[in-house]
Amino acid sequence: ATTGGLLPNIPTTYYNLLRIPDTTFTCLYKEVQFTSILYAPFKDTIYSWTGPNNFVSDLPNPIISNVTKNDEGYYYLTVFNGDSSVSYQRKTFLKINESPTPIILKRPDKKLCVGSELILSSDKDYPSYKWSTGDTTPVTRVYKSGTYILSVIDTLGCEGATSIDVLFYGDSELPITGDTVKCKGEAVTLTSAEEFPE
């Protein structure tokens, strides 16, 4: 049988007439939408959500944008009929997951000259990778100086990013110090502020 023209095999107990997930997941600073299913809606249904940070809403599936840890906690939904003589209440716990913080490893971990190959890799395994080089694998190879960015998505769907500055010798000027004024015939000692690879 179909109740209210919505779904077949509707549960007949009051407890099952209103359902929301026990736990709702989202990522830090992202958007979250709460979901509810009312199997036998009233003629004049009234929704009332309450939660942390003085959250209130009269929508059946409200949205919170840019969530923070202060938004984590229990959210309660009460559904009334038009004259408030009948109501159902359920709750869901909003769990906010931290964004991943990948670390970029470099190999070899030493100073290189232009023309050498430097391998950059993620310190952990993630379902999704995106390098500023265009690579979508855990590893990317670079051959010139610059800032390289790694963006990842973890198993919970949360996004994180980090960057690393790379310098190849021969790509830029190196500071050299020493005496700037000498008489003809005198020796001059010049010193680099950086050590060159052999």
Protein backbone atom coordinates (compact mmCIF):
# COMPACT_ATOMS: atom_id res chain seq x y z
CA ALA A 1 0.00 0.00 0.00
CA THR A 2 1.05 3.59 -0.50
CA THR A 3 0.56 6.23 2.19
CA GLY A 4 0.17 9.88 1.17
CA GLY A 5 1.05 8.95 -2.40
CA LEU A 6 4.74 8.83 -1.50
CA LEU A 7 6.31 5.42 -0.91
CA PRO A 8 5.04 1.82 -0.78
CA ASN A 9 5.40 -0.32 2.35
CA ILE A 10 5.36 2.60 4.77
CA PRO A 11 6.29 1.70 8.37
CA THR A 12 3.20 1.88 10.56
CA THR A 13 4.84 2.74 13.91
CA TYR A 14 5.20 6.37 14.93
CA TYR A 15 8.92 5.87 15.54
CA ASN A 16 9.53 5.03 11.90
CA LEU A 17 7.40 7.80 10.40
CA LEU A 18 10.27 10.31 10.70
CA ARG A 19 13.84 9.29 9.94
CA ILE A 20 17.15 11.16 9.92
CA PRO A 21 20.71 9.72 10.00
CA ASP A 22 22.18 8.98 13.42
CA THR A 23 25.35 10.79 12.31
CA THR A 24 25.90 13.44 9.64
CA PHE A 25 29.44 13.95 8.32
CA THR A 26 31.10 16.97 6.73
CA CYS A 27 34.53 18.57 6.36
CA LEU A 28 35.85 21.59 8.20
CA TYR A 29 34.87 24.89 6.51
CA LYS A 30 32.64 23.10 4.01
CA GLU A 31 28.86 23.01 3.55
CA VAL A 32 26.60 20.43 5.14
CA GLN A 33 22.97 19.62 4.44
CA PHE A 34 20.82 17.78 6.95
CA THR A 35 18.37 15.25 5.52
CA SER A 36 15.05 14.04 6.85
CA ILE A 37 12.36 11.71 5.56
CA LEU A 38 8.76 12.04 6.75
CA TYR A 39 6.92 9.00 5.42
CA ALA A 40 3.42 10.26 6.24
CA PRO A 41 3.46 14.06 6.08
CA PHE A 42 0.73 16.02 7.79
CA LYS A 43 -1.60 18.25 5.83
CA ASP A 44 0.19 21.27 7.29
CA THR A 45 3.65 20.04 8.26
CA ILE A 46 5.86 22.25 10.42
CA TYR A 47 9.61 21.54 10.75
CA SER A 48 11.70 22.82 13.62
CA TRP A 49 15.48 22.23 13.79
CA THR A 50 17.66 23.31 16.72
CA GLY A 51 21.36 22.81 17.40
CA PRO A 52 24.70 24.28 18.54
CA ASN A 53 25.54 27.95 17.95
CA ASN A 54 21.85 28.86 18.35
CA PHE A 55 21.04 27.07 15.10
CA VAL A 56 17.35 27.10 14.15
CA SER A 57 15.59 26.31 10.88
CA ASP A 58 12.07 25.62 9.66
CA LEU A 59 13.25 23.78 6.51
CA PRO A 60 13.01 19.98 6.17
CA ASN A 61 16.64 19.75 4.88
CA PRO A 62 18.53 22.86 6.04
CA ILE A 63 22.08 23.79 5.02
CA ILE A 64 24.97 25.21 7.06
CA SER A 65 27.85 26.82 5.15
CA ASN A 66 31.48 27.17 6.23
CA VAL A 67 31.13 24.88 9.25
CA THR A 68 33.60 25.08 12.14
CA LYS A 69 34.26 22.88 15.16
CA ASN A 70 31.78 25.05 17.09
CA ASP A 71 29.01 23.63 14.90
CA GLU A 72 29.76 20.04 15.92
CA GLY A 73 27.21 18.36 18.15
CA TYR A 74 23.61 17.10 18.28
CA TYR A 75 20.91 18.62 16.07
CA TYR A 76 17.26 17.98 16.90
CA LEU A 77 14.37 17.92 14.45
CA THR A 78 10.76 18.17 15.64
CA VAL A 79 7.93 17.80 13.13
CA PHE A 80 4.44 19.04 14.03
CA ASN A 81 1.09 18.91 12.34
CA GLY A 82 -0.63 22.23 11.73
CA ASP A 83 -2.23 22.56 15.18
CA SER A 84 0.78 21.01 17.02
CA SER A 85 -1.38 18.22 18.45
CA VAL A 86 0.95 15.54 17.01
CA SER A 87 4.74 15.70 16.77
CA TYR A 88 7.77 13.48 16.14
CA GLN A 89 11.34 14.25 17.22
CA ARG A 90 14.68 12.79 16.10
CA LYS A 91 18.33 13.82 16.45
CA THR A 92 21.53 13.53 14.42
CA PHE A 93 25.12 14.11 15.51
CA LEU A 94 27.11 16.41 13.21
CA LYS A 95 30.69 15.12 12.97
CA ILE A 96 33.14 17.59 11.43
CA ASN A 97 36.31 16.08 10.00
CA GLU A 98 39.62 17.95 9.83
CA SER A 99 41.17 18.64 6.44
CA PRO A 100 44.17 16.43 5.56
CA THR A 101 47.63 18.00 5.86
CA PRO A 102 49.90 16.31 3.32
CA ILE A 103 53.68 16.67 3.51
CA ILE A 104 55.79 16.82 0.34
CA LEU A 105 58.94 14.69 0.35
CA LYS A 106 61.78 15.31 -2.10
CA ARG A 107 64.28 12.86 -3.53
CA PRO A 108 67.20 13.29 -3.60
CA ASP A 109 67.07 15.55 -0.55
CA LYS A 110 70.01 17.74 -1.55
CA LYS A 111 70.81 20.78 -3.66
CA LEU A 112 70.75 20.15 -7.40
CA CYS A 113 71.93 21.92 -10.52
CA VAL A 114 69.73 22.85 -13.47
CA GLY A 115 69.07 19.82 -15.65
CA SER A 116 68.85 17.43 -12.73
CA GLU A 117 65.64 15.60 -11.82
CA LEU A 118 63.94 16.12 -8.47
CA ILE A 119 61.18 13.72 -7.43
CA LEU A 120 58.41 15.12 -5.21
CA SER A 121 56.02 12.74 -3.46
CA SER A 122 53.27 12.66 -0.85
CA ASP A 123 54.09 11.33 2.60
CA LYS A 124 50.79 9.40 2.79
CA ASP A 125 48.38 7.54 0.55
CA TYR A 126 45.24 9.41 -0.52
CA PRO A 127 42.43 8.49 -2.91
CA SER A 128 43.05 11.62 -4.99
CA TYR A 129 46.11 13.75 -5.85
CA LYS A 130 46.56 16.88 -7.93
CA TRP A 131 49.94 18.56 -8.41
CA SER A 132 50.46 22.04 -9.81
CA THR A 133 52.50 20.29 -12.52
CA GLY A 134 49.28 18.65 -13.74
CA ASP A 135 50.13 15.18 -12.43
CA THR A 136 47.41 13.26 -10.58
CA THR A 137 49.66 10.57 -9.08
CA PRO A 138 51.42 10.36 -5.68
CA VAL A 139 54.69 11.40 -7.38
CA THR A 140 55.70 14.23 -9.71
CA ARG A 141 59.08 15.06 -11.31
CA VAL A 142 60.38 18.61 -11.62
CA TYR A 143 63.39 20.11 -13.38
CA LYS A 144 63.29 23.82 -12.60
CA SER A 145 62.98 26.19 -9.67
CA GLY A 146 59.56 27.22 -8.41
CA THR A 147 56.79 26.65 -5.90
CA TYR A 148 55.00 23.33 -6.31
CA ILE A 149 51.57 22.65 -4.81
CA LEU A 150 50.02 19.32 -3.87
CA SER A 151 46.25 19.06 -3.31
CA VAL A 152 44.70 15.86 -1.93
CA ILE A 153 41.30 14.43 -1.01
CA ASP A 154 41.10 11.89 1.81
CA THR A 155 38.78 8.89 2.26
CA LEU A 156 36.17 11.12 3.94
CA GLY A 157 36.08 13.49 0.96
CA CYS A 158 37.92 16.29 2.77
CA GLU A 159 40.39 18.42 0.81
CA GLY A 160 43.82 19.65 1.87
CA ALA A 161 46.86 21.22 0.22
CA THR A 162 50.48 22.11 0.84
CA SER A 163 53.39 23.57 -1.13
CA ILE A 164 57.17 23.39 -1.34
CA ASP A 165 59.76 25.81 -2.75
CA VAL A 166 62.37 24.23 -5.02
CA LEU A 167 65.67 25.83 -6.09
CA PHE A 168 67.94 24.50 -8.81
CA TYR A 169 71.36 26.12 -9.04
CA GLY A 170 71.80 27.98 -12.26
CA ASP A 171 68.16 29.10 -12.30
CA SER A 172 68.84 32.21 -10.23
CA GLU A 173 71.59 34.53 -9.08
CA LEU A 174 73.43 33.54 -5.91
CA PRO A 175 74.66 36.18 -3.45
CA ILE A 176 78.48 36.50 -3.33
CA THR A 177 80.32 38.49 -0.66
CA GLY A 178 83.86 39.78 -0.54
CA ASP A 179 86.04 42.89 -0.73
CA THR A 180 84.73 45.31 -3.32
CA VAL A 181 87.79 47.55 -3.42
CA LYS A 182 91.32 46.20 -3.93
CA CYS A 183 94.55 47.61 -5.30
CA LYS A 184 96.02 46.18 -8.48
CA GLY A 185 97.91 42.98 -7.79
CA GLU A 186 96.19 42.17 -4.48
CA ALA A 187 94.31 38.93 -4.05
CA VAL A 188 90.51 38.97 -3.76
CA THR A 189 88.52 36.34 -1.86
CA LEU A 190 84.90 35.87 -2.86
CA THR A 191 82.50 33.78 -0.78
CA SER A 192 79.12 32.34 -1.77
CA ALA A 193 76.35 32.44 0.80
CA GLU A 194 75.24 29.00 -0.46
CA GLU A 195 77.04 25.69 -0.76
CA PHE A 196 77.24 24.18 -4.26
CA PRO A 197 76.71 20.49 -4.83
CA GLU A 198 79.80 18.70 -6.02
